[in-house]
Amino acid sequence: MHRNVPDRHRQFAKAMRGDATKAENLLWQALRRSQLGGKFKPQVPIDGYILDFVCFEARLIVEVDGAQHAESMTDRKRDVYFLNQGFRILRVWNHEVVTNLDGICLTILAGLKNTGE
């Protein structure tokens, strides 16, 4: 999925990769190099949004959320946008990633296998 991304979004995504949360770093170590069977990319800017992790082949987005995302209308609108683009979204909490990384990886693995076909 190649899109024309404004340079400021590209720079912001790059900065976010360098300033990832502990949970994002832990999850990235599990996702990188296709260890779960899908090729994920971190902090990808698409259509004015920055996705925490995305596997384009499986059309799967994984968002690692903190408390500021609870009941977020912005996140709901964003999810609807990407659902309409044919993506599936998994939202996991920072605390869950830190305390139950294996369980989160199993959930992601199930999401990769359930491509909706």
N, C-alpha and C. Protein backbone atom coordinates (compact mmCIF):
# COMPACT_ATOMS: atom_id res chain seq x y z
N MET A 1 0.85 -1.17 0.00
CA MET A 1 0.00 0.00 0.00
C MET A 1 0.89 1.23 0.00
N HIS A 2 1.08 1.79 -1.15
CA HIS A 2 1.90 2.98 -1.26
C HIS A 2 1.01 4.21 -1.30
N ARG A 3 1.29 5.13 -0.41
CA ARG A 3 0.50 6.36 -0.35
C ARG A 3 1.45 7.54 -0.30
N ASN A 4 0.95 8.65 -0.74
CA ASN A 4 1.71 9.88 -0.68
C ASN A 4 1.59 10.44 0.74
N VAL A 5 2.65 10.36 1.50
CA VAL A 5 2.63 10.77 2.91
C VAL A 5 3.36 12.09 3.06
N PRO A 6 2.70 13.09 3.65
CA PRO A 6 3.40 14.37 3.88
C PRO A 6 4.66 14.17 4.72
N ASP A 7 5.68 14.94 4.41
CA ASP A 7 6.97 14.80 5.09
C ASP A 7 6.83 14.98 6.60
N ARG A 8 5.96 15.88 7.05
CA ARG A 8 5.81 16.10 8.50
C ARG A 8 5.24 14.85 9.19
N HIS A 9 4.36 14.11 8.51
CA HIS A 9 3.83 12.86 9.08
C HIS A 9 4.93 11.80 9.14
N ARG A 10 5.72 11.75 8.08
CA ARG A 10 6.83 10.79 8.03
C ARG A 10 7.83 11.08 9.17
N GLN A 11 8.14 12.35 9.37
CA GLN A 11 9.07 12.74 10.43
C GLN A 11 8.51 12.45 11.82
N PHE A 12 7.21 12.70 12.00
CA PHE A 12 6.57 12.42 13.29
C PHE A 12 6.58 10.93 13.58
N ALA A 13 6.28 10.11 12.58
CA ALA A 13 6.30 8.65 12.76
C ALA A 13 7.71 8.18 13.13
N LYS A 14 8.71 8.75 12.48
CA LYS A 14 10.10 8.40 12.78
C LYS A 14 10.44 8.76 14.23
N ALA A 15 10.00 9.92 14.67
CA ALA A 15 10.24 10.35 16.05
C ALA A 15 9.54 9.41 17.03
N MET A 16 8.32 8.98 16.68
CA MET A 16 7.58 8.07 17.56
C MET A 16 8.27 6.70 17.66
N ARG A 17 8.88 6.24 16.58
CA ARG A 17 9.62 4.98 16.63
C ARG A 17 10.78 5.09 17.61
N GLY A 18 11.40 6.26 17.63
CA GLY A 18 12.53 6.47 18.53
C GLY A 18 12.13 6.72 19.97
N ASP A 19 10.86 7.02 20.21
CA ASP A 19 10.38 7.35 21.55
C ASP A 19 9.23 6.42 21.94
N ALA A 20 9.36 5.14 21.59
CA ALA A 20 8.30 4.17 21.85
C ALA A 20 8.15 3.90 23.35
N THR A 21 6.94 3.52 23.74
CA THR A 21 6.70 3.16 25.14
C THR A 21 7.32 1.79 25.42
N LYS A 22 7.41 1.44 26.68
CA LYS A 22 7.94 0.13 27.06
C LYS A 22 7.11 -0.98 26.41
N ALA A 23 5.79 -0.83 26.44
CA ALA A 23 4.90 -1.84 25.86
C ALA A 23 5.12 -1.94 24.35
N GLU A 24 5.26 -0.81 23.67
CA GLU A 24 5.49 -0.84 22.23
C GLU A 24 6.82 -1.52 21.91
N ASN A 25 7.85 -1.23 22.70
CA ASN A 25 9.15 -1.87 22.49
C ASN A 25 9.07 -3.38 22.69
N LEU A 26 8.40 -3.81 23.75
CA LEU A 26 8.25 -5.25 24.01
C LEU A 26 7.51 -5.94 22.87
N LEU A 27 6.43 -5.33 22.43
CA LEU A 27 5.65 -5.94 21.37
C LEU A 27 6.43 -5.95 20.06
N TRP A 28 7.15 -4.88 19.78
CA TRP A 28 7.93 -4.83 18.55
C TRP A 28 8.98 -5.94 18.52
N GLN A 29 9.59 -6.24 19.67
CA GLN A 29 10.57 -7.33 19.72
C GLN A 29 9.93 -8.66 19.34
N ALA A 30 8.65 -8.84 19.68
CA ALA A 30 7.93 -10.07 19.33
C ALA A 30 7.47 -10.07 17.87
N LEU A 31 7.15 -8.89 17.33
CA LEU A 31 6.60 -8.81 15.98
C LEU A 31 7.66 -8.73 14.88
N ARG A 32 8.81 -8.20 15.22
CA ARG A 32 9.81 -7.95 14.18
C ARG A 32 10.31 -9.24 13.57
N ARG A 33 10.82 -9.11 12.40
CA ARG A 33 11.36 -10.25 11.63
C ARG A 33 10.33 -11.36 11.45
N SER A 34 9.06 -10.99 11.39
CA SER A 34 7.97 -11.93 11.08
C SER A 34 7.91 -13.12 12.02
N GLN A 35 8.26 -12.93 13.28
CA GLN A 35 8.28 -14.04 14.23
C GLN A 35 6.91 -14.67 14.45
N LEU A 36 5.83 -13.92 14.21
CA LEU A 36 4.49 -14.47 14.40
C LEU A 36 3.86 -14.88 13.06
N GLY A 37 4.61 -14.76 12.00
CA GLY A 37 4.09 -15.18 10.71
C GLY A 37 3.62 -14.06 9.81
N GLY A 38 3.57 -12.86 10.30
CA GLY A 38 3.18 -11.72 9.48
C GLY A 38 4.29 -10.69 9.50
N LYS A 39 4.42 -9.94 8.43
CA LYS A 39 5.43 -8.89 8.37
C LYS A 39 4.83 -7.58 8.85
N PHE A 40 5.16 -7.20 10.07
CA PHE A 40 4.64 -5.97 10.65
C PHE A 40 5.63 -4.83 10.46
N LYS A 41 5.08 -3.63 10.37
CA LYS A 41 5.88 -2.42 10.34
C LYS A 41 5.43 -1.55 11.50
N PRO A 42 6.37 -0.88 12.19
CA PRO A 42 6.00 -0.03 13.32
C PRO A 42 5.79 1.42 12.90
N GLN A 43 4.87 2.09 13.59
CA GLN A 43 4.65 3.53 13.45
C GLN A 43 4.58 3.94 11.97
N VAL A 44 3.52 3.49 11.32
CA VAL A 44 3.35 3.74 9.90
C VAL A 44 2.34 4.87 9.68
N PRO A 45 2.76 5.94 8.99
CA PRO A 45 1.81 7.03 8.70
C PRO A 45 0.95 6.69 7.48
N ILE A 46 -0.38 6.74 7.67
CA ILE A 46 -1.31 6.50 6.56
C ILE A 46 -2.49 7.45 6.71
N ASP A 47 -2.75 8.18 5.68
CA ASP A 47 -3.94 9.04 5.58
C ASP A 47 -4.15 9.94 6.79
N GLY A 48 -3.09 10.53 7.28
CA GLY A 48 -3.19 11.46 8.40
C GLY A 48 -3.16 10.81 9.77
N TYR A 49 -3.03 9.50 9.82
CA TYR A 49 -2.95 8.76 11.09
C TYR A 49 -1.60 8.06 11.15
N ILE A 50 -1.17 7.74 12.37
CA ILE A 50 0.03 6.93 12.53
C ILE A 50 -0.38 5.66 13.26
N LEU A 51 -0.20 4.54 12.59
CA LEU A 51 -0.57 3.23 13.13
C LEU A 51 0.59 2.68 13.95
N ASP A 52 0.29 2.14 15.13
CA ASP A 52 1.37 1.58 15.96
C ASP A 52 2.08 0.46 15.23
N PHE A 53 1.32 -0.54 14.76
CA PHE A 53 1.89 -1.65 14.01
C PHE A 53 0.88 -2.05 12.94
N VAL A 54 1.37 -2.38 11.76
CA VAL A 54 0.47 -2.82 10.69
C VAL A 54 1.13 -3.95 9.90
N CYS A 55 0.31 -4.96 9.58
CA CYS A 55 0.70 -6.03 8.67
C CYS A 55 -0.18 -5.86 7.44
N PHE A 56 0.39 -5.36 6.36
CA PHE A 56 -0.39 -5.07 5.17
C PHE A 56 -0.93 -6.34 4.52
N GLU A 57 -0.13 -7.42 4.53
CA GLU A 57 -0.57 -8.66 3.89
C GLU A 57 -1.85 -9.19 4.53
N ALA A 58 -1.94 -9.12 5.85
CA ALA A 58 -3.12 -9.60 6.57
C ALA A 58 -4.14 -8.49 6.79
N ARG A 59 -3.79 -7.26 6.40
CA ARG A 59 -4.66 -6.09 6.62
C ARG A 59 -5.05 -6.00 8.10
N LEU A 60 -4.04 -6.14 8.95
CA LEU A 60 -4.23 -6.15 10.40
C LEU A 60 -3.44 -5.00 11.03
N ILE A 61 -4.15 -4.21 11.82
CA ILE A 61 -3.55 -3.10 12.57
C ILE A 61 -3.57 -3.49 14.05
N VAL A 62 -2.45 -3.28 14.74
CA VAL A 62 -2.37 -3.51 16.19
C VAL A 62 -2.04 -2.17 16.84
N GLU A 63 -2.93 -1.73 17.71
CA GLU A 63 -2.74 -0.49 18.45
C GLU A 63 -2.48 -0.81 19.91
N VAL A 64 -1.43 -0.23 20.45
CA VAL A 64 -1.08 -0.40 21.87
C VAL A 64 -1.49 0.88 22.57
N ASP A 65 -2.50 0.76 23.43
CA ASP A 65 -3.13 1.94 24.02
C ASP A 65 -2.86 2.09 25.50
N GLY A 66 -2.74 3.36 25.91
CA GLY A 66 -2.69 3.72 27.32
C GLY A 66 -4.05 4.24 27.75
N ALA A 67 -4.14 4.67 28.97
CA ALA A 67 -5.41 5.13 29.54
C ALA A 67 -6.03 6.29 28.76
N GLN A 68 -5.22 7.10 28.10
CA GLN A 68 -5.75 8.25 27.36
C GLN A 68 -6.64 7.82 26.20
N HIS A 69 -6.59 6.54 25.83
CA HIS A 69 -7.39 6.05 24.71
C HIS A 69 -8.74 5.47 25.14
N ALA A 70 -8.96 5.35 26.43
CA ALA A 70 -10.23 4.80 26.91
C ALA A 70 -11.38 5.70 26.47
N GLU A 71 -12.36 5.12 25.84
CA GLU A 71 -13.56 5.84 25.39
C GLU A 71 -13.25 7.00 24.45
N SER A 72 -12.20 6.88 23.67
CA SER A 72 -11.80 7.97 22.78
C SER A 72 -12.64 7.97 21.51
N MET A 73 -13.34 9.06 21.27
CA MET A 73 -14.13 9.21 20.05
C MET A 73 -13.21 9.31 18.82
N THR A 74 -12.05 9.92 19.00
CA THR A 74 -11.08 10.02 17.91
C THR A 74 -10.65 8.63 17.46
N ASP A 75 -10.38 7.75 18.43
CA ASP A 75 -9.99 6.38 18.09
C ASP A 75 -11.13 5.64 17.40
N ARG A 76 -12.35 5.86 17.84
CA ARG A 76 -13.51 5.22 17.20
C ARG A 76 -13.64 5.64 15.75
N LYS A 77 -13.50 6.94 15.50
CA LYS A 77 -13.60 7.45 14.13
C LYS A 77 -12.47 6.86 13.27
N ARG A 78 -11.30 6.81 13.83
CA ARG A 78 -10.14 6.26 13.13
C ARG A 78 -10.36 4.79 12.81
N ASP A 79 -10.88 4.03 13.78
CA ASP A 79 -11.15 2.61 13.56
C ASP A 79 -12.16 2.41 12.44
N VAL A 80 -13.21 3.20 12.45
CA VAL A 80 -14.23 3.10 11.39
C VAL A 80 -13.59 3.39 10.03
N TYR A 81 -12.75 4.40 9.99
CA TYR A 81 -12.07 4.74 8.73
C TYR A 81 -11.29 3.54 8.21
N PHE A 82 -10.48 2.92 9.06
CA PHE A 82 -9.65 1.81 8.60
C PHE A 82 -10.46 0.54 8.36
N LEU A 83 -11.53 0.33 9.12
CA LEU A 83 -12.42 -0.80 8.83
C LEU A 83 -13.01 -0.64 7.43
N ASN A 84 -13.39 0.57 7.08
CA ASN A 84 -13.92 0.84 5.75
C ASN A 84 -12.87 0.68 4.65
N GLN A 85 -11.61 0.73 5.02
CA GLN A 85 -10.51 0.52 4.08
C GLN A 85 -10.14 -0.97 3.98
N GLY A 86 -10.85 -1.83 4.74
CA GLY A 86 -10.61 -3.27 4.68
C GLY A 86 -9.63 -3.80 5.70
N PHE A 87 -9.27 -3.00 6.69
CA PHE A 87 -8.37 -3.44 7.75
C PHE A 87 -9.16 -3.99 8.93
N ARG A 88 -8.52 -4.81 9.71
CA ARG A 88 -9.04 -5.22 11.01
C ARG A 88 -8.14 -4.57 12.05
N ILE A 89 -8.71 -4.24 13.21
CA ILE A 89 -7.96 -3.54 14.24
C ILE A 89 -7.99 -4.34 15.53
N LEU A 90 -6.81 -4.56 16.08
CA LEU A 90 -6.69 -5.14 17.43
C LEU A 90 -6.16 -4.04 18.33
N ARG A 91 -6.90 -3.76 19.39
CA ARG A 91 -6.44 -2.78 20.38
C ARG A 91 -6.08 -3.54 21.65
N VAL A 92 -4.86 -3.30 22.13
CA VAL A 92 -4.40 -3.93 23.36
C VAL A 92 -3.90 -2.84 24.30
N TRP A 93 -4.00 -3.10 25.57
CA TRP A 93 -3.58 -2.12 26.57
C TRP A 93 -2.10 -2.28 26.89
N ASN A 94 -1.44 -1.16 27.15
CA ASN A 94 -0.03 -1.17 27.55
C ASN A 94 0.21 -2.19 28.66
N HIS A 95 -0.61 -2.14 29.69
CA HIS A 95 -0.44 -3.02 30.85
C HIS A 95 -0.52 -4.50 30.44
N GLU A 96 -1.44 -4.82 29.52
CA GLU A 96 -1.56 -6.21 29.06
C GLU A 96 -0.29 -6.66 28.35
N VAL A 97 0.27 -5.80 27.53
CA VAL A 97 1.49 -6.16 26.81
C VAL A 97 2.63 -6.43 27.79
N VAL A 98 2.76 -5.58 28.78
CA VAL A 98 3.85 -5.71 29.75
C VAL A 98 3.67 -6.95 30.64
N THR A 99 2.43 -7.25 31.03
CA THR A 99 2.20 -8.34 31.97
C THR A 99 1.82 -9.66 31.31
N ASN A 100 1.40 -9.63 30.04
CA ASN A 100 0.95 -10.86 29.39
C ASN A 100 1.32 -10.85 27.91
N LEU A 101 2.59 -10.66 27.62
CA LEU A 101 3.04 -10.58 26.24
C LEU A 101 2.71 -11.84 25.46
N ASP A 102 2.87 -13.01 26.08
CA ASP A 102 2.57 -14.26 25.38
C ASP A 102 1.10 -14.31 24.96
N GLY A 103 0.21 -13.89 25.86
CA GLY A 103 -1.22 -13.88 25.54
C GLY A 103 -1.54 -12.91 24.42
N ILE A 104 -0.90 -11.75 24.42
CA ILE A 104 -1.11 -10.76 23.36
C ILE A 104 -0.61 -11.34 22.03
N CYS A 105 0.54 -12.00 22.05
CA CYS A 105 1.07 -12.60 20.83
C CYS A 105 0.13 -13.68 20.29
N LEU A 106 -0.47 -14.46 21.17
CA LEU A 106 -1.44 -15.46 20.73
C LEU A 106 -2.66 -14.80 20.09
N THR A 107 -3.11 -13.69 20.65
CA THR A 107 -4.23 -12.95 20.08
C THR A 107 -3.88 -12.42 18.69
N ILE A 108 -2.67 -11.89 18.55
CA ILE A 108 -2.23 -11.38 17.25
C ILE A 108 -2.09 -12.52 16.25
N LEU A 109 -1.54 -13.63 16.70
CA LEU A 109 -1.40 -14.80 15.83
C LEU A 109 -2.77 -15.27 15.32
N ALA A 110 -3.75 -15.29 16.21
CA ALA A 110 -5.12 -15.65 15.80
C ALA A 110 -5.66 -14.64 14.80
N GLY A 111 -5.36 -13.36 15.01
CA GLY A 111 -5.79 -12.32 14.08
C GLY A 111 -5.15 -12.48 12.71
N LEU A 112 -3.90 -12.92 12.69
CA LEU A 112 -3.21 -13.14 11.41
C LEU A 112 -3.82 -14.33 10.67
N LYS A 113 -4.21 -15.35 11.41
CA LYS A 113 -4.79 -16.55 10.79
C LYS A 113 -6.23 -16.32 10.34
N ASN A 114 -6.93 -15.42 11.02
CA ASN A 114 -8.34 -15.14 10.72
C ASN A 114 -8.39 -13.94 9.78
N THR A 115 -8.10 -14.17 8.52
CA THR A 115 -8.04 -13.07 7.56
C THR A 115 -9.40 -12.70 7.00
N GLY A 116 -10.46 -13.38 7.46
CA GLY A 116 -11.78 -13.04 7.01
C GLY A 116 -12.15 -13.62 5.67
N GLU A 117 -11.33 -14.53 5.17
CA GLU A 117 -11.60 -15.14 3.86
C GLU A 117 -12.59 -16.26 3.98
